[in-house]
């Protein structure tokens, strides 16, 4: 089967427009009332990040970078995960992780 150059280029453009899959990193440690750096790769900006936990979710919309400094404003021993969606509706999700304790409770 033969394809014209224009058909091949159109198919390649369609694949490239989909963007890379989003991979959001699970932090090695998230500590109560300290900054946690959320990072991800892939996807097409802008991004909408949700921090999902047992009580509710926090939403940060219109992010243009692939990093987000989050003030970990949840108490120790809270289970949570990060969920992200990009401008093309592709999604990514971290693994479930646990907030670690701290002497600082000023953010709660």
PDB file of N, CA and C in Angstrom:
ATOM      1  N   UNK A   1       0.849  -1.175   0.000  1.00  0.00           N
ATOM      2  CA  UNK A   1       0.000   0.000   0.000  1.00  0.00           C
ATOM      3  C   UNK A   1       0.892   1.233   0.000  1.00  0.00           C
ATOM      4  N   UNK A   2       0.573   2.186  -0.844  1.00  0.00           N
ATOM      5  CA  UNK A   2       1.355   3.414  -0.952  1.00  0.00           C
ATOM      6  C   UNK A   2       0.546   4.589  -0.430  1.00  0.00           C
ATOM      7  N   UNK A   3       1.245   5.486   0.260  1.00  0.00           N
ATOM      8  CA  UNK A   3       0.638   6.718   0.740  1.00  0.00           C
ATOM      9  C   UNK A   3       1.378   7.886   0.118  1.00  0.00           C
ATOM     10  N   UNK A   4       0.653   8.929  -0.186  1.00  0.00           N
ATOM     11  CA  UNK A   4       1.313  10.130  -0.689  1.00  0.00           C
ATOM     12  C   UNK A   4       2.029  10.822   0.463  1.00  0.00           C
ATOM     13  N   UNK A   5       2.990  11.648   0.142  1.00  0.00           N
ATOM     14  CA  UNK A   5       3.741  12.380   1.155  1.00  0.00           C
ATOM     15  C   UNK A   5       2.814  13.236   2.004  1.00  0.00           C
ATOM     16  N   UNK A   6       1.810  13.849   1.414  1.00  0.00           N
ATOM     17  CA  UNK A   6       0.899  14.705   2.182  1.00  0.00           C
ATOM     18  C   UNK A   6       0.085  13.893   3.186  1.00  0.00           C
ATOM     19  N   UNK A   7      -0.300  12.659   2.836  1.00  0.00           N
ATOM     20  CA  UNK A   7      -1.044  11.807   3.772  1.00  0.00           C
ATOM     21  C   UNK A   7      -0.139  11.409   4.933  1.00  0.00           C
ATOM     22  N   UNK A   8       1.095  11.033   4.647  1.00  0.00           N
ATOM     23  CA  UNK A   8       2.042  10.649   5.695  1.00  0.00           C
ATOM     24  C   UNK A   8       2.307  11.830   6.626  1.00  0.00           C
ATOM     25  N   UNK A   9       2.508  13.014   6.072  1.00  0.00           N
ATOM     26  CA  UNK A   9       2.748  14.199   6.897  1.00  0.00           C
ATOM     27  C   UNK A   9       1.529  14.540   7.742  1.00  0.00           C
ATOM     28  N   UNK A  10       0.342  14.383   7.201  1.00  0.00           N
ATOM     29  CA  UNK A  10      -0.881  14.651   7.965  1.00  0.00           C
ATOM     30  C   UNK A  10      -1.023  13.672   9.123  1.00  0.00           C
ATOM     31  N   UNK A  11      -0.713  12.399   8.890  1.00  0.00           N
ATOM     32  CA  UNK A  11      -0.789  11.407   9.970  1.00  0.00           C
ATOM     33  C   UNK A  11       0.254  11.708  11.044  1.00  0.00           C
ATOM     34  N   UNK A  12       1.455  12.078  10.642  1.00  0.00           N
ATOM     35  CA  UNK A  12       2.506  12.409  11.607  1.00  0.00           C
ATOM     36  C   UNK A  12       2.115  13.630  12.430  1.00  0.00           C
ATOM     37  N   UNK A  13       1.546  14.635  11.797  1.00  0.00           N
ATOM     38  CA  UNK A  13       1.112  15.837  12.522  1.00  0.00           C
ATOM     39  C   UNK A  13       0.024  15.496  13.523  1.00  0.00           C
ATOM     40  N   UNK A  14      -0.865  14.592  13.167  1.00  0.00           N
ATOM     41  CA  UNK A  14      -1.936  14.184  14.072  1.00  0.00           C
ATOM     42  C   UNK A  14      -1.371  13.501  15.310  1.00  0.00           C
ATOM     43  N   UNK A  15      -0.395  12.631  15.119  1.00  0.00           N
ATOM     44  CA  UNK A  15       0.232  11.936  16.244  1.00  0.00           C
ATOM     45  C   UNK A  15       0.975  12.925  17.132  1.00  0.00           C
ATOM     46  N   UNK A  16       1.724  13.849  16.545  1.00  0.00           N
ATOM     47  CA  UNK A  16       2.477  14.829  17.324  1.00  0.00           C
ATOM     48  C   UNK A  16       1.563  15.771  18.089  1.00  0.00           C
ATOM     49  N   UNK A  17       0.411  16.099  17.542  1.00  0.00           N
ATOM     50  CA  UNK A  17      -0.514  17.022  18.203  1.00  0.00           C
ATOM     51  C   UNK A  17      -1.081  16.434  19.485  1.00  0.00           C
ATOM     52  N   UNK A  18      -1.045  15.113  19.612  1.00  0.00           N
ATOM     53  CA  UNK A  18      -1.580  14.484  20.813  1.00  0.00           C
ATOM     54  C   UNK A  18      -0.687  14.721  22.025  1.00  0.00           C
ATOM     55  N   UNK A  19       0.571  15.053  21.819  1.00  0.00           N
ATOM     56  CA  UNK A  19       1.486  15.326  22.920  1.00  0.00           C
ATOM     57  C   UNK A  19       1.960  14.054  23.595  1.00  0.00           C
ATOM     58  N   UNK A  20       2.957  14.219  24.435  1.00  0.00           N
ATOM     59  CA  UNK A  20       3.487  13.093  25.194  1.00  0.00           C
ATOM     60  C   UNK A  20       2.527  12.754  26.323  1.00  0.00           C
ATOM     61  N   UNK A  21       2.504  11.488  26.743  1.00  0.00           N
ATOM     62  CA  UNK A  21       1.675  11.146  27.901  1.00  0.00           C
ATOM     63  C   UNK A  21       2.178  11.897  29.135  1.00  0.00           C
ATOM     64  N   UNK A  22       1.276  12.176  30.048  1.00  0.00           N
ATOM     65  CA  UNK A  22       1.650  12.887  31.268  1.00  0.00           C
ATOM     66  C   UNK A  22       2.073  11.864  32.322  1.00  0.00           C
ATOM     67  N   UNK A  23       3.251  12.081  32.869  1.00  0.00           N
ATOM     68  CA  UNK A  23       3.744  11.258  33.973  1.00  0.00           C
ATOM     69  C   UNK A  23       4.001  12.206  35.130  1.00  0.00           C
ATOM     70  N   UNK A  24       3.216  12.070  36.191  1.00  0.00           N
ATOM     71  CA  UNK A  24       3.374  12.926  37.370  1.00  0.00           C
ATOM     72  C   UNK A  24       4.117  12.129  38.432  1.00  0.00           C
ATOM     73  N   UNK A  25       5.125  12.743  39.017  1.00  0.00           N
ATOM     74  CA  UNK A  25       5.979  12.054  39.975  1.00  0.00           C
ATOM     75  C   UNK A  25       5.331  12.007  41.355  1.00  0.00           C
ATOM     76  N   UNK A  26       5.467  10.864  42.018  1.00  0.00           N
ATOM     77  CA  UNK A  26       5.045  10.741  43.409  1.00  0.00           C
ATOM     78  C   UNK A  26       6.209  11.234  44.265  1.00  0.00           C
ATOM     79  N   UNK A  27       5.970  12.214  45.143  1.00  0.00           N
ATOM     80  CA  UNK A  27       7.091  12.743  45.932  1.00  0.00           C
ATOM     81  C   UNK A  27       7.680  11.686  46.864  1.00  0.00           C
ATOM     82  N   UNK A  28       9.002  11.742  47.031  1.00  0.00           N
ATOM     83  CA  UNK A  28       9.679  10.823  47.947  1.00  0.00           C
ATOM     84  C   UNK A  28       9.253  11.104  49.383  1.00  0.00           C
ATOM     85  N   UNK A  29       8.970  12.380  49.672  1.00  0.00           N
ATOM     86  CA  UNK A  29       8.538  12.766  51.009  1.00  0.00           C
ATOM     87  C   UNK A  29       7.725  14.049  50.916  1.00  0.00           C
ATOM     88  N   UNK A  30       6.590  14.063  51.581  1.00  0.00           N
ATOM     89  CA  UNK A  30       5.773  15.269  51.709  1.00  0.00           C
ATOM     90  C   UNK A  30       5.550  15.461  53.204  1.00  0.00           C
ATOM     91  N   UNK A  31       5.974  16.603  53.724  1.00  0.00           N
ATOM     92  CA  UNK A  31       5.973  16.838  55.165  1.00  0.00           C
ATOM     93  C   UNK A  31       4.991  17.953  55.503  1.00  0.00           C
ATOM     94  N   UNK A  32       4.196  17.719  56.537  1.00  0.00           N
ATOM     95  CA  UNK A  32       3.210  18.690  57.013  1.00  0.00           C
ATOM     96  C   UNK A  32       3.833  20.079  57.152  1.00  0.00           C
ATOM     97  N   UNK A  33       3.184  21.082  56.541  1.00  0.00           N
ATOM     98  CA  UNK A  33       3.555  22.499  56.618  1.00  0.00           C
ATOM     99  C   UNK A  33       4.913  22.831  55.994  1.00  0.00           C
ATOM    100  N   UNK A  34       5.409  21.966  55.131  1.00  0.00           N
ATOM    101  CA  UNK A  34       6.613  22.270  54.368  1.00  0.00           C
ATOM    102  C   UNK A  34       6.260  22.259  52.886  1.00  0.00           C
ATOM    103  N   UNK A  35       7.106  22.848  52.071  1.00  0.00           N
ATOM    104  CA  UNK A  35       6.857  22.900  50.635  1.00  0.00           C
ATOM    105  C   UNK A  35       7.179  21.557  49.992  1.00  0.00           C
ATOM    106  N   UNK A  36       6.253  21.075  49.179  1.00  0.00           N
ATOM    107  CA  UNK A  36       6.454  19.863  48.390  1.00  0.00           C
ATOM    108  C   UNK A  36       6.496  20.275  46.928  1.00  0.00           C
ATOM    109  N   UNK A  37       7.542  19.875  46.223  1.00  0.00           N
ATOM    110  CA  UNK A  37       7.658  20.194  44.810  1.00  0.00           C
ATOM    111  C   UNK A  37       6.970  19.097  44.000  1.00  0.00           C
ATOM    112  N   UNK A  38       5.929  19.478  43.270  1.00  0.00           N
ATOM    113  CA  UNK A  38       5.194  18.560  42.404  1.00  0.00           C
ATOM    114  C   UNK A  38       5.771  18.724  41.001  1.00  0.00           C
ATOM    115  N   UNK A  39       6.167  17.622  40.371  1.00  0.00           N
ATOM    116  CA  UNK A  39       6.757  17.688  39.032  1.00  0.00           C
ATOM    117  C   UNK A  39       6.104  16.662  38.119  1.00  0.00           C
ATOM    118  N   UNK A  40       6.095  16.981  36.832  1.00  0.00           N
ATOM    119  CA  UNK A  40       5.568  16.049  35.842  1.00  0.00           C
ATOM    120  C   UNK A  40       6.237  16.302  34.503  1.00  0.00           C
ATOM    121  N   UNK A  41       6.089  15.327  33.616  1.00  0.00           N
ATOM    122  CA  UNK A  41       6.604  15.438  32.256  1.00  0.00           C
ATOM    123  C   UNK A  41       5.469  15.144  31.288  1.00  0.00           C
ATOM    124  N   UNK A  42       5.643  15.607  30.054  1.00  0.00           N
ATOM    125  CA  UNK A  42       4.658  15.350  29.013  1.00  0.00           C
ATOM    126  C   UNK A  42       3.477  16.292  29.094  1.00  0.00           C
ATOM    127  N   UNK A  43       2.531  16.057  28.208  1.00  0.00           N
ATOM    128  CA  UNK A  43       1.331  16.872  28.173  1.00  0.00           C
ATOM    129  C   UNK A  43       1.548  18.210  27.491  1.00  0.00           C
ATOM    130  N   UNK A  44       0.448  18.939  27.350  1.00  0.00           N
ATOM    131  CA  UNK A  44       0.443  20.233  26.675  1.00  0.00           C
ATOM    132  C   UNK A  44      -0.172  21.265  27.621  1.00  0.00           C
ATOM    133  N   UNK A  45       0.582  22.331  27.937  1.00  0.00           N
ATOM    134  CA  UNK A  45       0.091  23.387  28.829  1.00  0.00           C
ATOM    135  C   UNK A  45      -1.093  24.108  28.187  1.00  0.00           C
ATOM    136  N   UNK A  46      -1.948  24.724  28.993  1.00  0.00           N
ATOM    137  CA  UNK A  46      -1.908  24.796  30.449  1.00  0.00           C
ATOM    138  C   UNK A  46      -2.428  23.512  31.104  1.00  0.00           C
ATOM    139  N   UNK A  47      -2.028  23.349  32.377  1.00  0.00           N
ATOM    140  CA  UNK A  47      -2.374  22.163  33.156  1.00  0.00           C
ATOM    141  C   UNK A  47      -3.288  22.543  34.313  1.00  0.00           C
ATOM    142  N   UNK A  48      -4.147  21.610  34.703  1.00  0.00           N
ATOM    143  CA  UNK A  48      -4.968  21.755  35.904  1.00  0.00           C
ATOM    144  C   UNK A  48      -4.563  20.640  36.857  1.00  0.00           C
ATOM    145  N   UNK A  49      -4.060  21.032  38.025  1.00  0.00           N
ATOM    146  CA  UNK A  49      -3.568  20.088  39.024  1.00  0.00           C
ATOM    147  C   UNK A  49      -4.568  19.994  40.162  1.00  0.00           C
ATOM    148  N   UNK A  50      -4.881  18.769  40.569  1.00  0.00           N
ATOM    149  CA  UNK A  50      -5.736  18.541  41.736  1.00  0.00           C
ATOM    150  C   UNK A  50      -4.958  17.728  42.756  1.00  0.00           C
ATOM    151  N   UNK A  51      -5.075  18.139  44.007  1.00  0.00           N
ATOM    152  CA  UNK A  51      -4.489  17.406  45.122  1.00  0.00           C
ATOM    153  C   UNK A  51      -5.674  16.771  45.837  1.00  0.00           C
ATOM    154  N   UNK A  52      -5.788  15.458  45.715  1.00  0.00           N
ATOM    155  CA  UNK A  52      -6.987  14.733  46.139  1.00  0.00           C
ATOM    156  C   UNK A  52      -6.684  13.977  47.425  1.00  0.00           C
ATOM    157  N   UNK A  53      -7.529  14.219  48.446  1.00  0.00           N
ATOM    158  CA  UNK A  53      -7.353  13.541  49.731  1.00  0.00           C
ATOM    159  C   UNK A  53      -8.709  13.217  50.326  1.00  0.00           C
ATOM    160  N   UNK A  54      -8.690  12.649  51.508  1.00  0.00           N
ATOM    161  CA  UNK A  54      -9.914  12.097  52.083  1.00  0.00           C
ATOM    162  C   UNK A  54     -10.981  13.127  52.434  1.00  0.00           C
ATOM    163  N   UNK A  55     -10.620  14.366  52.578  1.00  0.00           N
ATOM    164  CA  UNK A  55     -11.611  15.368  52.963  1.00  0.00           C
ATOM    165  C   UNK A  55     -12.169  16.141  51.775  1.00  0.00           C
ATOM    166  N   UNK A  56     -11.362  16.367  50.771  1.00  0.00           N
ATOM    167  CA  UNK A  56     -11.763  17.180  49.621  1.00  0.00           C
ATOM    168  C   UNK A  56     -10.640  17.157  48.591  1.00  0.00           C
ATOM    169  N   UNK A  57     -10.649  18.117  47.689  1.00  0.00           N
ATOM    170  CA  UNK A  57      -9.554  18.266  46.729  1.00  0.00           C
ATOM    171  C   UNK A  57      -9.220  19.744  46.602  1.00  0.00           C
ATOM    172  N   UNK A  58      -7.950  20.014  46.397  1.00  0.00           N
ATOM    173  CA  UNK A  58      -7.492  21.374  46.123  1.00  0.00           C
ATOM    174  C   UNK A  58      -7.194  21.441  44.631  1.00  0.00           C
ATOM    175  N   UNK A  59      -7.609  22.527  43.980  1.00  0.00           N
ATOM    176  CA  UNK A  59      -7.434  22.647  42.533  1.00  0.00           C
ATOM    177  C   UNK A  59      -6.585  23.872  42.198  1.00  0.00           C
ATOM    178  N   UNK A  60      -5.633  23.672  41.306  1.00  0.00           N
ATOM    179  CA  UNK A  60      -4.764  24.740  40.822  1.00  0.00           C
ATOM    180  C   UNK A  60      -4.828  24.696  39.298  1.00  0.00           C
ATOM    181  N   UNK A  61      -5.460  25.702  38.713  1.00  0.00           N
ATOM    182  CA  UNK A  61      -5.742  25.696  37.280  1.00  0.00           C
ATOM    183  C   UNK A  61      -4.853  26.664  36.511  1.00  0.00           C
ATOM    184  N   UNK A  62      -4.656  26.361  35.234  1.00  0.00           N
ATOM    185  CA  UNK A  62      -3.931  27.253  34.342  1.00  0.00           C
ATOM    186  C   UNK A  62      -2.426  27.264  34.536  1.00  0.00           C
ATOM    187  N   UNK A  63      -1.868  26.175  35.052  1.00  0.00           N
ATOM    188  CA  UNK A  63      -0.421  26.114  35.263  1.00  0.00           C
ATOM    189  C   UNK A  63       0.289  25.970  33.920  1.00  0.00           C
ATOM    190  N   UNK A  64       1.331  26.748  33.717  1.00  0.00           N
ATOM    191  CA  UNK A  64       2.042  26.711  32.438  1.00  0.00           C
ATOM    192  C   UNK A  64       3.397  26.014  32.529  1.00  0.00           C
ATOM    193  N   UNK A  65       3.896  25.820  33.729  1.00  0.00           N
ATOM    194  CA  UNK A  65       5.168  25.120  33.937  1.00  0.00           C
ATOM    195  C   UNK A  65       4.885  23.666  34.298  1.00  0.00           C
ATOM    196  N   UNK A  66       5.923  22.855  34.349  1.00  0.00           N
ATOM    197  CA  UNK A  66       5.779  21.440  34.712  1.00  0.00           C
ATOM    198  C   UNK A  66       6.264  21.176  36.138  1.00  0.00           C
ATOM    199  N   UNK A  67       6.215  22.212  36.950  1.00  0.00           N
ATOM    200  CA  UNK A  67       6.505  22.092  38.378  1.00  0.00           C
ATOM    201  C   UNK A  67       5.529  22.977  39.135  1.00  0.00           C
ATOM    202  N   UNK A  68       5.266  22.596  40.372  1.00  0.00           N
ATOM    203  CA  UNK A  68       4.385  23.385  41.224  1.00  0.00           C
ATOM    204  C   UNK A  68       4.858  23.222  42.659  1.00  0.00           C
ATOM    205  N   UNK A  69       5.124  24.337  43.333  1.00  0.00           N
ATOM    206  CA  UNK A  69       5.531  24.316  44.740  1.00  0.00           C
ATOM    207  C   UNK A  69       4.270  24.398  45.595  1.00  0.00           C
ATOM    208  N   UNK A  70       3.966  23.310  46.272  1.00  0.00           N
ATOM    209  CA  UNK A  70       2.744  23.218  47.073  1.00  0.00           C
ATOM    210  C   UNK A  70       3.075  23.318  48.550  1.00  0.00           C
ATOM    211  N   UNK A  71       2.423  24.258  49.253  1.00  0.00           N
ATOM    212  CA  UNK A  71       2.538  24.330  50.703  1.00  0.00           C
ATOM    213  C   UNK A  71       1.699  23.183  51.259  1.00  0.00           C
ATOM    214  N   UNK A  72       2.343  22.190  51.806  1.00  0.00           N
ATOM    215  CA  UNK A  72       1.672  20.972  52.257  1.00  0.00           C
ATOM    216  C   UNK A  72       0.813  21.301  53.475  1.00  0.00           C
ATOM    217  N   UNK A  73      -0.403  21.745  53.190  1.00  0.00           N
ATOM    218  CA  UNK A  73      -1.308  22.262  54.220  1.00  0.00           C
ATOM    219  C   UNK A  73      -2.291  21.208  54.727  1.00  0.00           C
ATOM    220  N   UNK A  74      -1.826  19.977  54.786  1.00  0.00           N
ATOM    221  CA  UNK A  74      -2.632  18.871  55.303  1.00  0.00           C
ATOM    222  C   UNK A  74      -1.921  18.255  56.500  1.00  0.00           C
ATOM    223  N   UNK A  75      -2.675  17.712  57.446  1.00  0.00           N
ATOM    224  CA  UNK A  75      -2.035  17.122  58.624  1.00  0.00           C
ATOM    225  C   UNK A  75      -1.315  15.814  58.301  1.00  0.00           C
ATOM    226  N   UNK A  76      -0.362  15.489  59.151  1.00  0.00           N
ATOM    227  CA  UNK A  76       0.372  14.228  59.030  1.00  0.00           C
ATOM    228  C   UNK A  76      -0.603  13.058  58.980  1.00  0.00           C
ATOM    229  N   UNK A  77      -0.183  12.016  58.298  1.00  0.00           N
ATOM    230  CA  UNK A  77      -0.937  10.766  58.144  1.00  0.00           C
ATOM    231  C   UNK A  77      -2.149  10.881  57.227  1.00  0.00           C
ATOM    232  N   UNK A  78      -2.218  11.946  56.439  1.00  0.00           N
ATOM    233  CA  UNK A  78      -3.264  12.068  55.424  1.00  0.00           C
ATOM    234  C   UNK A  78      -2.794  11.367  54.152  1.00  0.00           C
ATOM    235  N   UNK A  79      -3.625  10.469  53.626  1.00  0.00           N
ATOM    236  CA  UNK A  79      -3.359   9.830  52.335  1.00  0.00           C
ATOM    237  C   UNK A  79      -3.827  10.755  51.226  1.00  0.00           C
ATOM    238  N   UNK A  80      -3.054  10.863  50.157  1.00  0.00           N
ATOM    239  CA  UNK A  80      -3.461  11.695  49.033  1.00  0.00           C
ATOM    240  C   UNK A  80      -2.750  11.270  47.770  1.00  0.00           C
ATOM    241  N   UNK A  81      -3.186  11.851  46.650  1.00  0.00           N
ATOM    242  CA  UNK A  81      -2.500  11.672  45.375  1.00  0.00           C
ATOM    243  C   UNK A  81      -2.702  12.925  44.546  1.00  0.00           C
ATOM    244  N   UNK A  82      -1.839  13.090  43.540  1.00  0.00           N
ATOM    245  CA  UNK A  82      -1.947  14.202  42.606  1.00  0.00           C
ATOM    246  C   UNK A  82      -2.609  13.703  41.328  1.00  0.00           C
ATOM    247  N   UNK A  83      -3.467  14.542  40.763  1.00  0.00           N
ATOM    248  CA  UNK A  83      -4.124  14.250  39.490  1.00  0.00           C
ATOM    249  C   UNK A  83      -3.947  15.474  38.609  1.00  0.00           C
ATOM    250  N   UNK A  84      -3.609  15.259  37.343  1.00  0.00           N
ATOM    251  CA  UNK A  84      -3.381  16.386  36.443  1.00  0.00           C
ATOM    252  C   UNK A  84      -4.058  16.128  35.103  1.00  0.00           C
ATOM    253  N   UNK A  85      -4.549  17.202  34.502  1.00  0.00           N
ATOM    254  CA  UNK A  85      -5.141  17.137  33.164  1.00  0.00           C
ATOM    255  C   UNK A  85      -4.561  18.286  32.348  1.00  0.00           C
ATOM    256  N   UNK A  86      -4.258  18.005  31.084  1.00  0.00           N
ATOM    257  CA  UNK A  86      -3.676  19.053  30.245  1.00  0.00           C
ATOM    258  C   UNK A  86      -4.721  19.652  29.310  1.00  0.00           C
ATOM    259  N   UNK A  87      -4.282  20.554  28.443  1.00  0.00           N
ATOM    260  CA  UNK A  87      -5.203  21.273  27.558  1.00  0.00           C
ATOM    261  C   UNK A  87      -5.816  20.386  26.482  1.00  0.00           C
ATOM    262  N   UNK A  88      -5.284  19.175  26.303  1.00  0.00           N
ATOM    263  CA  UNK A  88      -5.850  18.249  25.319  1.00  0.00           C
ATOM    264  C   UNK A  88      -6.642  17.131  25.993  1.00  0.00           C
ATOM    265  N   UNK A  89      -6.911  17.292  27.288  1.00  0.00           N
ATOM    266  CA  UNK A  89      -7.677  16.339  28.106  1.00  0.00           C
ATOM    267  C   UNK A  89      -6.928  15.048  28.425  1.00  0.00           C
ATOM    268  N   UNK A  90      -5.610  15.024  28.230  1.00  0.00           N
ATOM    269  CA  UNK A  90      -4.820  13.883  28.682  1.00  0.00           C
ATOM    270  C   UNK A  90      -4.604  14.028  30.186  1.00  0.00           C
ATOM    271  N   UNK A  91      -4.547  12.894  30.882  1.00  0.00           N
ATOM    272  CA  UNK A  91      -4.445  12.925  32.336  1.00  0.00           C
ATOM    273  C   UNK A  91      -3.253  12.118  32.833  1.00  0.00           C
ATOM    274  N   UNK A  92      -2.873  12.400  34.067  1.00  0.00           N
ATOM    275  CA  UNK A  92      -1.846  11.646  34.765  1.00  0.00           C
ATOM    276  C   UNK A  92      -2.174  11.638  36.242  1.00  0.00           C
ATOM    277  N   UNK A  93      -1.689  10.639  36.942  1.00  0.00           N
ATOM    278  CA  UNK A  93      -1.984  10.512  38.366  1.00  0.00           C
ATOM    279  C   UNK A  93      -0.780   9.918  39.075  1.00  0.00           C
ATOM    280  N   UNK A  94      -0.468  10.465  40.253  1.00  0.00           N
ATOM    281  CA  UNK A  94       0.612   9.907  41.061  1.00  0.00           C
ATOM    282  C   UNK A  94       0.091   8.689  41.811  1.00  0.00           C
ATOM    283  N   UNK A  95       1.005   7.999  42.440  1.00  0.00           N
ATOM    284  CA  UNK A  95       0.615   6.941  43.370  1.00  0.00           C
ATOM    285  C   UNK A  95       0.110   7.584  44.658  1.00  0.00           C
ATOM    286  N   UNK A  96      -0.604   6.824  45.436  1.00  0.00           N
ATOM    287  CA  UNK A  96      -1.060   7.276  46.743  1.00  0.00           C
ATOM    288  C   UNK A  96       0.151   7.410  47.663  1.00  0.00           C
ATOM    289  N   UNK A  97       0.195   8.491  48.455  1.00  0.00           N
ATOM    290  CA  UNK A  97       1.288   8.661  49.412  1.00  0.00           C
ATOM    291  C   UNK A  97       0.753   9.302  50.682  1.00  0.00           C
ATOM    292  N   UNK A  98       1.593   9.374  51.703  1.00  0.00           N
ATOM    293  CA  UNK A  98       1.197   9.783  53.043  1.00  0.00           C
ATOM    294  C   UNK A  98       1.971  11.026  53.470  1.00  0.00           C
ATOM    295  N   UNK A  99       1.272  12.006  54.057  1.00  0.00           N
ATOM    296  CA  UNK A  99       1.930  13.191  54.609  1.00  0.00           C
ATOM    297  C   UNK A  99       2.679  12.787  55.878  1.00  0.00           C
ATOM    298  N   UNK A 100       3.935  13.213  55.953  1.00  0.00           N
ATOM    299  CA  UNK A 100       4.783  12.894  57.098  1.00  0.00           C
ATOM    300  C   UNK A 100       4.637  13.960  58.188  1.00  0.00           C
ATOM    301  N   UNK A 101       4.865  13.601  59.449  1.00  0.00           N
ATOM    302  CA  UNK A 101       4.698  14.551  60.553  1.00  0.00           C
ATOM    303  C   UNK A 101       5.789  15.618  60.598  1.00  0.00           C
ATOM    304  N   UNK A 102       5.441  16.710  61.280  1.00  0.00           N
ATOM    305  CA  UNK A 102       6.357  17.825  61.484  1.00  0.00           C
ATOM    306  C   UNK A 102       5.978  18.513  62.789  1.00  0.00           C
ATOM    307  N   UNK A 103       6.933  19.181  63.399  1.00  0.00           N
ATOM    308  CA  UNK A 103       6.649  19.981  64.596  1.00  0.00           C
ATOM    309  C   UNK A 103       5.836  21.223  64.241  1.00  0.00           C
ATOM    310  N   UNK A 104       5.928  21.652  62.984  1.00  0.00           N
ATOM    311  CA  UNK A 104       5.243  22.856  62.512  1.00  0.00           C
ATOM    312  C   UNK A 104       3.789  22.530  62.171  1.00  0.00           C
ATOM    313  N   UNK A 105       2.860  23.213  62.804  1.00  0.00           N
ATOM    314  CA  UNK A 105       1.437  23.037  62.487  1.00  0.00           C
ATOM    315  C   UNK A 105       0.797  24.371  62.105  1.00  0.00           C
ATOM    316  N   UNK A 106       1.620  25.364  61.774  1.00  0.00           N
ATOM    317  CA  UNK A 106       1.123  26.714  61.498  1.00  0.00           C
ATOM    318  C   UNK A 106       0.252  26.796  60.247  1.00  0.00           C
ATOM    319  N   UNK A 107       0.352  25.833  59.344  1.00  0.00           N
ATOM    320  CA  UNK A 107      -0.410  25.890  58.093  1.00  0.00           C
ATOM    321  C   UNK A 107      -1.779  25.223  58.204  1.00  0.00           C
ATOM    322  N   UNK A 108      -2.031  24.565  59.305  1.00  0.00           N
ATOM    323  CA  UNK A 108      -3.276  23.786  59.441  1.00  0.00           C
ATOM    324  C   UNK A 108      -4.432  24.633  59.932  1.00  0.00           C
TER     325      UNK A 108
END
